[in-house]
């Protein structure tokens, strides 16, 4: 198990005991077990939590950027890209003022490029409607482009310490196995998670659940004997069918990536980062697709705000005006 490096700014847990779970979140007979489970997990996190760069800040803008990046990209890739992106756009005002093409170019290597467009739109909305300050309330965050229920809760908890619970597949798995001992619907999983968040330790608690799910309570080969919750986990105590196999937020099997629309989209956007492409080059980059397929890719990118088409060719949207974009 990798320990946090010395000096890492992980949230401390050497504080008074956190408040009890909210009424109704767990059965009355389970109250003492859940309180102890939460204390055990927070103690483990203090000693063994992952040292990730966005956990060393409470800057709402920087955390919003990290959460948009983490939506569909692996942690190690985000850890490399996040500092460079913030160096290019150090404030929400800088991001809001930047051409979309620059933002998409800086997003290189993260995939799902439409997130860069949505982040740019969110920055402009924050500047225009919130005075350049990222909103702290979940409802206001959810109204930002590219921000759904999970991301809104994550920003509220990690940047502002609000008692919000972002539930991803790792968290849902831990809750089903360790807390409920039974499959959870998405709605019940969210309700349970919301009721367990310590009001004074929201960031630490949510990070701890995510780390446990990714390192011990894994989908295929859970490390139950060495898990810090082994003594409190319902599934480990009772055995039987895995409660997480039919519960909330099960990941869907991924189809073949190469040759998919997403693969062609990423390939074309990556080429456009080098500059405007004449239509002959666009067609060459989409080799393997028929005319309808090529049109579907280009039209989809345009609908997502990623590209602009003109008589002479294709360019990233929001870039310097060229013959390819003046009439697009």
C-alpha atoms as a PDB file:
ATOM      1  CA  UNK A   1       0.000   0.000   0.000  1.00  0.00           C
ATOM      2  CA  UNK A   2       1.466   3.353  -0.999  1.00  0.00           C
ATOM      3  CA  UNK A   3       1.546   5.867   1.818  1.00  0.00           C
ATOM      4  CA  UNK A   4       1.137   9.575   1.318  1.00  0.00           C
ATOM      5  CA  UNK A   5       4.503  11.239   0.934  1.00  0.00           C
ATOM      6  CA  UNK A   6       5.832  13.357   3.743  1.00  0.00           C
ATOM      7  CA  UNK A   7       4.488  16.885   3.732  1.00  0.00           C
ATOM      8  CA  UNK A   8       1.435  16.097   1.626  1.00  0.00           C
ATOM      9  CA  UNK A   9      -1.499  18.292   2.540  1.00  0.00           C
ATOM     10  CA  UNK A  10      -4.007  15.538   3.161  1.00  0.00           C
ATOM     11  CA  UNK A  11      -6.840  16.585   5.467  1.00  0.00           C
ATOM     12  CA  UNK A  12      -6.013  15.816   9.071  1.00  0.00           C
ATOM     13  CA  UNK A  13      -8.281  13.628  11.167  1.00  0.00           C
ATOM     14  CA  UNK A  14      -6.840  14.317  14.601  1.00  0.00           C
ATOM     15  CA  UNK A  15      -9.979  16.270  15.506  1.00  0.00           C
ATOM     16  CA  UNK A  16     -12.958  15.666  17.763  1.00  0.00           C
ATOM     17  CA  UNK A  17     -15.232  12.852  16.636  1.00  0.00           C
ATOM     18  CA  UNK A  18     -17.308  13.693  13.593  1.00  0.00           C
ATOM     19  CA  UNK A  19     -21.065  14.092  13.951  1.00  0.00           C
ATOM     20  CA  UNK A  20     -23.237  11.002  13.832  1.00  0.00           C
ATOM     21  CA  UNK A  21     -24.767   9.878  10.520  1.00  0.00           C
ATOM     22  CA  UNK A  22     -27.910  11.803   9.683  1.00  0.00           C
ATOM     23  CA  UNK A  23     -31.178  10.373  10.987  1.00  0.00           C
ATOM     24  CA  UNK A  24     -32.695   7.828   8.638  1.00  0.00           C
ATOM     25  CA  UNK A  25     -29.491   7.172   6.682  1.00  0.00           C
ATOM     26  CA  UNK A  26     -28.906   3.822   8.428  1.00  0.00           C
ATOM     27  CA  UNK A  27     -31.074   1.445  10.427  1.00  0.00           C
ATOM     28  CA  UNK A  28     -31.174   2.181  14.152  1.00  0.00           C
ATOM     29  CA  UNK A  29     -29.463  -1.090  15.037  1.00  0.00           C
ATOM     30  CA  UNK A  30     -26.599  -0.312  12.658  1.00  0.00           C
ATOM     31  CA  UNK A  31     -25.813   3.111  14.059  1.00  0.00           C
ATOM     32  CA  UNK A  32     -22.863   2.149  16.262  1.00  0.00           C
ATOM     33  CA  UNK A  33     -21.265   0.026  13.521  1.00  0.00           C
ATOM     34  CA  UNK A  34     -21.508   2.790  10.960  1.00  0.00           C
ATOM     35  CA  UNK A  35     -20.053   5.362  13.353  1.00  0.00           C
ATOM     36  CA  UNK A  36     -17.099   3.054  14.000  1.00  0.00           C
ATOM     37  CA  UNK A  37     -16.750   2.286  10.278  1.00  0.00           C
ATOM     38  CA  UNK A  38     -16.528   5.958   9.483  1.00  0.00           C
ATOM     39  CA  UNK A  39     -13.896   6.578  12.165  1.00  0.00           C
ATOM     40  CA  UNK A  40     -11.817   3.627  10.894  1.00  0.00           C
ATOM     41  CA  UNK A  41     -11.969   4.824   7.301  1.00  0.00           C
ATOM     42  CA  UNK A  42     -10.987   8.406   8.163  1.00  0.00           C
ATOM     43  CA  UNK A  43      -8.048   7.150  10.235  1.00  0.00           C
ATOM     44  CA  UNK A  44      -6.891   4.960   7.337  1.00  0.00           C
ATOM     45  CA  UNK A  45      -7.176   7.878   4.938  1.00  0.00           C
ATOM     46  CA  UNK A  46      -5.018  10.094   7.123  1.00  0.00           C
ATOM     47  CA  UNK A  47      -2.280   7.485   6.970  1.00  0.00           C
ATOM     48  CA  UNK A  48      -2.728   6.081   3.467  1.00  0.00           C
ATOM     49  CA  UNK A  49      -4.706   8.500   1.299  1.00  0.00           C
ATOM     50  CA  UNK A  50      -3.442   9.123  -2.222  1.00  0.00           C
ATOM     51  CA  UNK A  51      -1.383  12.272  -2.643  1.00  0.00           C
ATOM     52  CA  UNK A  52      -3.026  13.837  -5.687  1.00  0.00           C
ATOM     53  CA  UNK A  53      -2.190  17.409  -6.678  1.00  0.00           C
ATOM     54  CA  UNK A  54      -5.756  18.732  -6.624  1.00  0.00           C
ATOM     55  CA  UNK A  55      -6.125  17.520  -3.042  1.00  0.00           C
ATOM     56  CA  UNK A  56      -3.513  20.069  -1.955  1.00  0.00           C
ATOM     57  CA  UNK A  57      -5.703  23.056  -2.792  1.00  0.00           C
ATOM     58  CA  UNK A  58      -9.108  24.420  -1.880  1.00  0.00           C
ATOM     59  CA  UNK A  59      -9.164  26.803  -4.861  1.00  0.00           C
ATOM     60  CA  UNK A  60     -12.666  26.259  -6.307  1.00  0.00           C
ATOM     61  CA  UNK A  61     -11.577  27.052  -9.866  1.00  0.00           C
ATOM     62  CA  UNK A  62      -8.632  24.637  -9.777  1.00  0.00           C
ATOM     63  CA  UNK A  63     -10.854  21.920  -8.310  1.00  0.00           C
ATOM     64  CA  UNK A  64     -13.548  22.528 -10.932  1.00  0.00           C
ATOM     65  CA  UNK A  65     -10.923  22.070 -13.656  1.00  0.00           C
ATOM     66  CA  UNK A  66      -9.697  18.831 -12.063  1.00  0.00           C
ATOM     67  CA  UNK A  67     -13.210  17.425 -11.749  1.00  0.00           C
ATOM     68  CA  UNK A  68     -14.058  18.141 -15.391  1.00  0.00           C
ATOM     69  CA  UNK A  69     -10.806  16.421 -16.390  1.00  0.00           C
ATOM     70  CA  UNK A  70     -11.483  13.434 -14.140  1.00  0.00           C
ATOM     71  CA  UNK A  71     -14.967  12.805 -15.537  1.00  0.00           C
ATOM     72  CA  UNK A  72     -13.736  10.349 -18.174  1.00  0.00           C
ATOM     73  CA  UNK A  73      -9.945  10.304 -17.913  1.00  0.00           C
ATOM     74  CA  UNK A  74      -7.589   8.214 -15.783  1.00  0.00           C
ATOM     75  CA  UNK A  75      -6.119   9.825 -12.677  1.00  0.00           C
ATOM     76  CA  UNK A  76      -2.475   9.552 -13.765  1.00  0.00           C
ATOM     77  CA  UNK A  77      -3.182  11.346 -17.063  1.00  0.00           C
ATOM     78  CA  UNK A  78      -5.031  14.125 -15.275  1.00  0.00           C
ATOM     79  CA  UNK A  79      -2.194  14.476 -12.755  1.00  0.00           C
ATOM     80  CA  UNK A  80       0.158  15.255 -15.655  1.00  0.00           C
ATOM     81  CA  UNK A  81      -2.191  17.573 -17.552  1.00  0.00           C
ATOM     82  CA  UNK A  82      -3.790  19.555 -14.709  1.00  0.00           C
ATOM     83  CA  UNK A  83      -0.748  21.664 -13.683  1.00  0.00           C
ATOM     84  CA  UNK A  84       0.021  22.587 -17.292  1.00  0.00           C
ATOM     85  CA  UNK A  85      -3.577  23.579 -17.960  1.00  0.00           C
ATOM     86  CA  UNK A  86      -3.647  25.807 -14.868  1.00  0.00           C
ATOM     87  CA  UNK A  87      -0.351  27.359 -15.888  1.00  0.00           C
ATOM     88  CA  UNK A  88      -1.917  28.279 -19.240  1.00  0.00           C
ATOM     89  CA  UNK A  89      -5.199  29.487 -17.665  1.00  0.00           C
ATOM     90  CA  UNK A  90      -4.398  30.348 -14.031  1.00  0.00           C
ATOM     91  CA  UNK A  91      -7.752  31.963 -13.224  1.00  0.00           C
ATOM     92  CA  UNK A  92     -11.342  31.552 -14.272  1.00  0.00           C
ATOM     93  CA  UNK A  93     -11.126  34.978 -15.905  1.00  0.00           C
ATOM     94  CA  UNK A  94      -8.144  33.858 -17.992  1.00  0.00           C
ATOM     95  CA  UNK A  95     -10.000  30.767 -19.129  1.00  0.00           C
ATOM     96  CA  UNK A  96     -13.151  32.732 -19.932  1.00  0.00           C
ATOM     97  CA  UNK A  97     -11.153  35.168 -22.071  1.00  0.00           C
ATOM     98  CA  UNK A  98      -9.246  32.507 -24.013  1.00  0.00           C
ATOM     99  CA  UNK A  99     -10.376  31.410 -27.494  1.00  0.00           C
ATOM    100  CA  UNK A 100     -12.024  28.001 -27.441  1.00  0.00           C
ATOM    101  CA  UNK A 101      -9.379  26.704 -29.856  1.00  0.00           C
ATOM    102  CA  UNK A 102      -6.656  27.466 -27.294  1.00  0.00           C
ATOM    103  CA  UNK A 103      -8.570  25.632 -24.594  1.00  0.00           C
ATOM    104  CA  UNK A 104      -9.087  22.576 -26.822  1.00  0.00           C
ATOM    105  CA  UNK A 105      -5.394  22.613 -27.730  1.00  0.00           C
ATOM    106  CA  UNK A 106      -4.413  22.699 -24.055  1.00  0.00           C
ATOM    107  CA  UNK A 107      -6.777  19.754 -23.456  1.00  0.00           C
ATOM    108  CA  UNK A 108      -4.626  17.491 -25.625  1.00  0.00           C
ATOM    109  CA  UNK A 109      -4.143  13.985 -24.245  1.00  0.00           C
ATOM    110  CA  UNK A 110      -7.256  13.988 -22.062  1.00  0.00           C
ATOM    111  CA  UNK A 111      -9.797  12.800 -24.635  1.00  0.00           C
ATOM    112  CA  UNK A 112     -13.514  13.637 -24.804  1.00  0.00           C
ATOM    113  CA  UNK A 113     -12.648  17.085 -26.130  1.00  0.00           C
ATOM    114  CA  UNK A 114     -16.173  18.432 -25.790  1.00  0.00           C
ATOM    115  CA  UNK A 115     -15.393  18.749 -22.063  1.00  0.00           C
ATOM    116  CA  UNK A 116     -12.892  21.489 -22.933  1.00  0.00           C
ATOM    117  CA  UNK A 117     -15.642  23.405 -24.724  1.00  0.00           C
ATOM    118  CA  UNK A 118     -18.029  22.979 -21.794  1.00  0.00           C
ATOM    119  CA  UNK A 119     -15.347  24.083 -19.329  1.00  0.00           C
ATOM    120  CA  UNK A 120     -14.746  27.199 -21.420  1.00  0.00           C
ATOM    121  CA  UNK A 121     -18.488  27.898 -21.430  1.00  0.00           C
ATOM    122  CA  UNK A 122     -18.660  27.320 -17.660  1.00  0.00           C
ATOM    123  CA  UNK A 123     -15.845  29.802 -17.091  1.00  0.00           C
ATOM    124  CA  UNK A 124     -17.667  32.467 -19.085  1.00  0.00           C
ATOM    125  CA  UNK A 125     -20.871  31.784 -17.167  1.00  0.00           C
ATOM    126  CA  UNK A 126     -19.010  32.080 -13.849  1.00  0.00           C
ATOM    127  CA  UNK A 127     -17.537  35.414 -14.901  1.00  0.00           C
ATOM    128  CA  UNK A 128     -20.790  36.776 -16.343  1.00  0.00           C
ATOM    129  CA  UNK A 129     -23.251  35.511 -13.738  1.00  0.00           C
ATOM    130  CA  UNK A 130     -21.228  34.920 -10.571  1.00  0.00           C
ATOM    131  CA  UNK A 131     -18.707  37.744 -10.597  1.00  0.00           C
ATOM    132  CA  UNK A 132     -15.817  35.390 -11.337  1.00  0.00           C
ATOM    133  CA  UNK A 133     -16.445  33.244  -8.256  1.00  0.00           C
ATOM    134  CA  UNK A 134     -17.268  29.558  -8.587  1.00  0.00           C
ATOM    135  CA  UNK A 135     -20.623  29.017  -6.850  1.00  0.00           C
ATOM    136  CA  UNK A 136     -20.603  26.928  -3.689  1.00  0.00           C
ATOM    137  CA  UNK A 137     -24.111  25.478  -3.799  1.00  0.00           C
ATOM    138  CA  UNK A 138     -24.804  22.200  -5.591  1.00  0.00           C
ATOM    139  CA  UNK A 139     -27.866  23.568  -7.401  1.00  0.00           C
ATOM    140  CA  UNK A 140     -25.916  26.540  -8.782  1.00  0.00           C
ATOM    141  CA  UNK A 141     -23.004  24.342  -9.796  1.00  0.00           C
ATOM    142  CA  UNK A 142     -25.329  21.985 -11.666  1.00  0.00           C
ATOM    143  CA  UNK A 143     -26.458  24.872 -13.848  1.00  0.00           C
ATOM    144  CA  UNK A 144     -22.943  25.346 -15.221  1.00  0.00           C
ATOM    145  CA  UNK A 145     -22.192  23.783 -18.635  1.00  0.00           C
ATOM    146  CA  UNK A 146     -20.551  20.375 -18.331  1.00  0.00           C
ATOM    147  CA  UNK A 147     -21.352  20.039 -14.626  1.00  0.00           C
ATOM    148  CA  UNK A 148     -23.723  17.262 -13.609  1.00  0.00           C
ATOM    149  CA  UNK A 149     -24.860  15.976 -10.235  1.00  0.00           C
ATOM    150  CA  UNK A 150     -21.619  14.133  -9.469  1.00  0.00           C
ATOM    151  CA  UNK A 151     -19.266  16.990 -10.427  1.00  0.00           C
ATOM    152  CA  UNK A 152     -21.395  19.565  -8.593  1.00  0.00           C
ATOM    153  CA  UNK A 153     -21.257  17.526  -5.394  1.00  0.00           C
ATOM    154  CA  UNK A 154     -17.527  16.949  -5.783  1.00  0.00           C
ATOM    155  CA  UNK A 155     -16.757  20.671  -6.157  1.00  0.00           C
ATOM    156  CA  UNK A 156     -19.078  21.566  -3.270  1.00  0.00           C
ATOM    157  CA  UNK A 157     -17.399  19.038  -0.974  1.00  0.00           C
ATOM    158  CA  UNK A 158     -13.757  19.404  -2.018  1.00  0.00           C
ATOM    159  CA  UNK A 159     -13.599  23.166  -2.546  1.00  0.00           C
ATOM    160  CA  UNK A 160     -16.125  24.433  -0.012  1.00  0.00           C
ATOM    161  CA  UNK A 161     -16.400  21.635   2.549  1.00  0.00           C
ATOM    162  CA  UNK A 162     -20.146  21.289   1.979  1.00  0.00           C
ATOM    163  CA  UNK A 163     -21.695  18.003   3.216  1.00  0.00           C
ATOM    164  CA  UNK A 164     -22.271  16.702  -0.305  1.00  0.00           C
ATOM    165  CA  UNK A 165     -21.599  13.160  -1.515  1.00  0.00           C
ATOM    166  CA  UNK A 166     -20.300  12.526  -5.054  1.00  0.00           C
ATOM    167  CA  UNK A 167     -21.072   8.871  -5.804  1.00  0.00           C
ATOM    168  CA  UNK A 168     -19.023   7.166  -8.515  1.00  0.00           C
ATOM    169  CA  UNK A 169     -18.653   3.438  -9.176  1.00  0.00           C
ATOM    170  CA  UNK A 170     -15.971   3.074  -6.497  1.00  0.00           C
ATOM    171  CA  UNK A 171     -18.065   4.780  -3.836  1.00  0.00           C
ATOM    172  CA  UNK A 172     -21.232   2.887  -4.815  1.00  0.00           C
ATOM    173  CA  UNK A 173     -19.348  -0.396  -4.508  1.00  0.00           C
ATOM    174  CA  UNK A 174     -18.058   0.418  -1.012  1.00  0.00           C
ATOM    175  CA  UNK A 175     -21.498   1.491   0.170  1.00  0.00           C
ATOM    176  CA  UNK A 176     -23.207  -1.643  -1.169  1.00  0.00           C
ATOM    177  CA  UNK A 177     -20.658  -4.012   0.328  1.00  0.00           C
ATOM    178  CA  UNK A 178     -19.513  -2.405   3.558  1.00  0.00           C
ATOM    179  CA  UNK A 179     -22.476  -0.312   4.700  1.00  0.00           C
ATOM    180  CA  UNK A 180     -25.655  -1.803   3.224  1.00  0.00           C
ATOM    181  CA  UNK A 181     -24.639  -5.388   2.549  1.00  0.00           C
ATOM    182  CA  UNK A 182     -27.193  -5.377  -0.264  1.00  0.00           C
ATOM    183  CA  UNK A 183     -27.576  -4.060  -3.816  1.00  0.00           C
ATOM    184  CA  UNK A 184     -28.378  -0.359  -4.009  1.00  0.00           C
ATOM    185  CA  UNK A 185     -30.305   1.504  -6.653  1.00  0.00           C
ATOM    186  CA  UNK A 186     -28.716   4.743  -7.812  1.00  0.00           C
ATOM    187  CA  UNK A 187     -31.268   6.717  -5.816  1.00  0.00           C
ATOM    188  CA  UNK A 188     -30.815   4.723  -2.619  1.00  0.00           C
ATOM    189  CA  UNK A 189     -27.032   4.799  -3.012  1.00  0.00           C
ATOM    190  CA  UNK A 190     -27.100   8.587  -3.257  1.00  0.00           C
ATOM    191  CA  UNK A 191     -29.413   8.886  -0.255  1.00  0.00           C
ATOM    192  CA  UNK A 192     -27.181   6.632   1.809  1.00  0.00           C
ATOM    193  CA  UNK A 193     -24.048   8.514   0.770  1.00  0.00           C
ATOM    194  CA  UNK A 194     -25.628  11.887   1.568  1.00  0.00           C
ATOM    195  CA  UNK A 195     -26.585  10.722   5.040  1.00  0.00           C
ATOM    196  CA  UNK A 196     -23.089   9.505   5.889  1.00  0.00           C
ATOM    197  CA  UNK A 197     -21.085  12.654   5.037  1.00  0.00           C
ATOM    198  CA  UNK A 198     -19.593  14.221   8.180  1.00  0.00           C
ATOM    199  CA  UNK A 199     -20.520  17.895   8.129  1.00  0.00           C
ATOM    200  CA  UNK A 200     -17.019  18.896   9.259  1.00  0.00           C
ATOM    201  CA  UNK A 201     -15.032  16.360   7.194  1.00  0.00           C
ATOM    202  CA  UNK A 202     -16.758  16.222   3.821  1.00  0.00           C
ATOM    203  CA  UNK A 203     -13.621  16.344   1.658  1.00  0.00           C
ATOM    204  CA  UNK A 204     -11.686  13.781   3.695  1.00  0.00           C
ATOM    205  CA  UNK A 205     -14.637  11.373   3.896  1.00  0.00           C
ATOM    206  CA  UNK A 206     -15.401  11.435   0.192  1.00  0.00           C
ATOM    207  CA  UNK A 207     -11.736  11.086  -0.762  1.00  0.00           C
ATOM    208  CA  UNK A 208     -11.429   8.166   1.653  1.00  0.00           C
ATOM    209  CA  UNK A 209     -14.366   6.316   0.078  1.00  0.00           C
ATOM    210  CA  UNK A 210     -12.922   6.826  -3.402  1.00  0.00           C
ATOM    211  CA  UNK A 211      -9.465   5.641  -2.369  1.00  0.00           C
ATOM    212  CA  UNK A 212     -10.822   2.568  -0.622  1.00  0.00           C
ATOM    213  CA  UNK A 213     -12.889   1.634  -3.661  1.00  0.00           C
ATOM    214  CA  UNK A 214      -9.953   2.005  -6.038  1.00  0.00           C
ATOM    215  CA  UNK A 215      -7.336   0.260  -3.892  1.00  0.00           C
ATOM    216  CA  UNK A 216      -9.046  -2.294  -1.632  1.00  0.00           C
ATOM    217  CA  UNK A 217     -12.736  -2.660  -2.463  1.00  0.00           C
ATOM    218  CA  UNK A 218     -12.103  -3.224  -6.166  1.00  0.00           C
ATOM    219  CA  UNK A 219     -14.655  -4.660  -8.565  1.00  0.00           C
ATOM    220  CA  UNK A 220     -13.017  -7.955  -9.497  1.00  0.00           C
ATOM    221  CA  UNK A 221     -10.443  -8.795  -6.813  1.00  0.00           C
ATOM    222  CA  UNK A 222     -11.294  -7.031  -3.543  1.00  0.00           C
ATOM    223  CA  UNK A 223      -8.537  -7.200  -0.930  1.00  0.00           C
ATOM    224  CA  UNK A 224     -10.895  -7.939   1.934  1.00  0.00           C
ATOM    225  CA  UNK A 225      -8.473  -9.423   4.517  1.00  0.00           C
ATOM    226  CA  UNK A 226      -6.282  -6.285   4.487  1.00  0.00           C
ATOM    227  CA  UNK A 227      -9.119  -3.775   4.087  1.00  0.00           C
ATOM    228  CA  UNK A 228      -9.311  -1.212   6.909  1.00  0.00           C
ATOM    229  CA  UNK A 229     -13.067  -1.844   7.077  1.00  0.00           C
ATOM    230  CA  UNK A 230     -12.832  -5.641   7.314  1.00  0.00           C
ATOM    231  CA  UNK A 231     -14.073  -5.629  10.908  1.00  0.00           C
ATOM    232  CA  UNK A 232     -17.103  -3.488  10.013  1.00  0.00           C
ATOM    233  CA  UNK A 233     -18.019  -4.670   6.503  1.00  0.00           C
ATOM    234  CA  UNK A 234     -21.390  -6.406   6.182  1.00  0.00           C
ATOM    235  CA  UNK A 235     -20.459  -8.418   3.106  1.00  0.00           C
ATOM    236  CA  UNK A 236     -17.131  -9.603   4.559  1.00  0.00           C
ATOM    237  CA  UNK A 237     -18.949 -10.755   7.698  1.00  0.00           C
ATOM    238  CA  UNK A 238     -21.898 -12.490   6.039  1.00  0.00           C
ATOM    239  CA  UNK A 239     -20.507 -13.682   2.693  1.00  0.00           C
ATOM    240  CA  UNK A 240     -22.803 -14.633  -0.143  1.00  0.00           C
ATOM    241  CA  UNK A 241     -23.309 -12.951  -3.490  1.00  0.00           C
ATOM    242  CA  UNK A 242     -21.456  -9.707  -4.030  1.00  0.00           C
ATOM    243  CA  UNK A 243     -23.939  -6.870  -3.309  1.00  0.00           C
ATOM    244  CA  UNK A 244     -22.113  -4.605  -5.759  1.00  0.00           C
ATOM    245  CA  UNK A 245     -22.738  -6.758  -8.822  1.00  0.00           C
ATOM    246  CA  UNK A 246     -26.313  -5.616  -9.311  1.00  0.00           C
ATOM    247  CA  UNK A 247     -26.368  -2.227  -7.670  1.00  0.00           C
ATOM    248  CA  UNK A 248     -25.941   1.422  -8.458  1.00  0.00           C
ATOM    249  CA  UNK A 249     -23.679   2.818 -11.149  1.00  0.00           C
ATOM    250  CA  UNK A 250     -22.297  -0.400 -12.565  1.00  0.00           C
ATOM    251  CA  UNK A 251     -19.807   0.437 -15.317  1.00  0.00           C
ATOM    252  CA  UNK A 252     -20.988  -0.501 -18.783  1.00  0.00           C
ATOM    253  CA  UNK A 253     -18.780  -2.745 -20.905  1.00  0.00           C
ATOM    254  CA  UNK A 254     -16.724  -0.716 -23.361  1.00  0.00           C
ATOM    255  CA  UNK A 255     -16.789  -1.532 -27.044  1.00  0.00           C
ATOM    256  CA  UNK A 256     -13.768  -1.557 -29.334  1.00  0.00           C
ATOM    257  CA  UNK A 257     -12.211   1.930 -29.363  1.00  0.00           C
ATOM    258  CA  UNK A 258     -10.168   1.925 -32.562  1.00  0.00           C
ATOM    259  CA  UNK A 259     -12.458   2.581 -35.501  1.00  0.00           C
ATOM    260  CA  UNK A 260     -15.265   3.929 -33.314  1.00  0.00           C
ATOM    261  CA  UNK A 261     -16.763   7.375 -33.810  1.00  0.00           C
ATOM    262  CA  UNK A 262     -14.973   8.528 -30.663  1.00  0.00           C
ATOM    263  CA  UNK A 263     -11.665   7.346 -32.114  1.00  0.00           C
ATOM    264  CA  UNK A 264     -12.242   9.250 -35.373  1.00  0.00           C
ATOM    265  CA  UNK A 265     -13.380  12.353 -33.500  1.00  0.00           C
ATOM    266  CA  UNK A 266     -10.268  12.386 -31.341  1.00  0.00           C
ATOM    267  CA  UNK A 267      -8.016  11.759 -34.311  1.00  0.00           C
ATOM    268  CA  UNK A 268      -9.501  14.656 -36.262  1.00  0.00           C
ATOM    269  CA  UNK A 269      -9.424  17.112 -33.333  1.00  0.00           C
ATOM    270  CA  UNK A 270      -5.809  16.185 -32.628  1.00  0.00           C
ATOM    271  CA  UNK A 271      -4.892  16.955 -36.241  1.00  0.00           C
ATOM    272  CA  UNK A 272      -6.761  20.268 -36.089  1.00  0.00           C
ATOM    273  CA  UNK A 273      -4.638  21.340 -33.131  1.00  0.00           C
ATOM    274  CA  UNK A 274      -1.884  21.864 -35.701  1.00  0.00           C
ATOM    275  CA  UNK A 275      -4.029  24.349 -37.623  1.00  0.00           C
ATOM    276  CA  UNK A 276      -6.733  24.616 -40.275  1.00  0.00           C
ATOM    277  CA  UNK A 277      -7.130  21.552 -42.497  1.00  0.00           C
ATOM    278  CA  UNK A 278      -8.306  21.656 -46.123  1.00  0.00           C
ATOM    279  CA  UNK A 279     -11.187  19.313 -46.846  1.00  0.00           C
ATOM    280  CA  UNK A 280      -8.887  16.862 -48.670  1.00  0.00           C
ATOM    281  CA  UNK A 281      -6.848  16.457 -45.481  1.00  0.00           C
ATOM    282  CA  UNK A 282      -9.994  16.083 -43.410  1.00  0.00           C
ATOM    283  CA  UNK A 283     -11.165  13.286 -45.676  1.00  0.00           C
ATOM    284  CA  UNK A 284      -7.756  11.601 -45.443  1.00  0.00           C
ATOM    285  CA  UNK A 285      -7.832  11.728 -41.630  1.00  0.00           C
ATOM    286  CA  UNK A 286     -11.202   9.943 -41.720  1.00  0.00           C
ATOM    287  CA  UNK A 287     -10.042   7.128 -44.000  1.00  0.00           C
ATOM    288  CA  UNK A 288     -12.162   4.072 -43.375  1.00  0.00           C
ATOM    289  CA  UNK A 289     -15.464   5.949 -43.245  1.00  0.00           C
ATOM    290  CA  UNK A 290     -17.838   6.467 -46.115  1.00  0.00           C
ATOM    291  CA  UNK A 291     -19.225   9.904 -46.986  1.00  0.00           C
ATOM    292  CA  UNK A 292     -22.101   9.578 -44.513  1.00  0.00           C
ATOM    293  CA  UNK A 293     -19.700   8.565 -41.766  1.00  0.00           C
ATOM    294  CA  UNK A 294     -17.375  11.492 -42.454  1.00  0.00           C
ATOM    295  CA  UNK A 295     -20.314  13.887 -42.412  1.00  0.00           C
ATOM    296  CA  UNK A 296     -21.511  12.387 -39.124  1.00  0.00           C
ATOM    297  CA  UNK A 297     -18.131  12.968 -37.477  1.00  0.00           C
ATOM    298  CA  UNK A 298     -17.735  16.543 -38.715  1.00  0.00           C
ATOM    299  CA  UNK A 299     -21.351  17.492 -37.985  1.00  0.00           C
ATOM    300  CA  UNK A 300     -21.112  15.990 -34.510  1.00  0.00           C
ATOM    301  CA  UNK A 301     -17.950  17.942 -33.702  1.00  0.00           C
ATOM    302  CA  UNK A 302     -19.565  21.122 -34.995  1.00  0.00           C
ATOM    303  CA  UNK A 303     -22.703  20.512 -32.911  1.00  0.00           C
ATOM    304  CA  UNK A 304     -20.497  20.098 -29.830  1.00  0.00           C
ATOM    305  CA  UNK A 305     -18.834  23.443 -30.507  1.00  0.00           C
ATOM    306  CA  UNK A 306     -15.439  21.911 -31.258  1.00  0.00           C
ATOM    307  CA  UNK A 307     -14.966  22.782 -34.935  1.00  0.00           C
ATOM    308  CA  UNK A 308     -16.008  25.402 -37.457  1.00  0.00           C
ATOM    309  CA  UNK A 309     -16.415  24.563 -41.138  1.00  0.00           C
ATOM    310  CA  UNK A 310     -15.928  26.859 -44.119  1.00  0.00           C
ATOM    311  CA  UNK A 311     -15.629  26.615 -47.881  1.00  0.00           C
ATOM    312  CA  UNK A 312     -11.894  25.998 -47.730  1.00  0.00           C
ATOM    313  CA  UNK A 313     -11.673  23.569 -44.851  1.00  0.00           C
ATOM    314  CA  UNK A 314     -12.107  22.830 -41.163  1.00  0.00           C
ATOM    315  CA  UNK A 315     -10.653  24.488 -38.041  1.00  0.00           C
ATOM    316  CA  UNK A 316     -11.057  24.328 -34.299  1.00  0.00           C
ATOM    317  CA  UNK A 317     -13.897  26.575 -33.222  1.00  0.00           C
ATOM    318  CA  UNK A 318     -13.083  29.921 -31.692  1.00  0.00           C
ATOM    319  CA  UNK A 319      -9.611  30.188 -33.199  1.00  0.00           C
ATOM    320  CA  UNK A 320      -8.094  32.968 -35.241  1.00  0.00           C
ATOM    321  CA  UNK A 321     -10.357  33.817 -38.155  1.00  0.00           C
ATOM    322  CA  UNK A 322      -9.265  32.174 -41.390  1.00  0.00           C
ATOM    323  CA  UNK A 323     -10.777  31.465 -44.789  1.00  0.00           C
ATOM    324  CA  UNK A 324     -11.942  28.184 -43.278  1.00  0.00           C
ATOM    325  CA  UNK A 325     -13.977  29.779 -40.517  1.00  0.00           C
ATOM    326  CA  UNK A 326     -15.269  33.143 -41.712  1.00  0.00           C
ATOM    327  CA  UNK A 327     -18.401  31.714 -43.238  1.00  0.00           C
ATOM    328  CA  UNK A 328     -18.684  28.643 -40.972  1.00  0.00           C
END
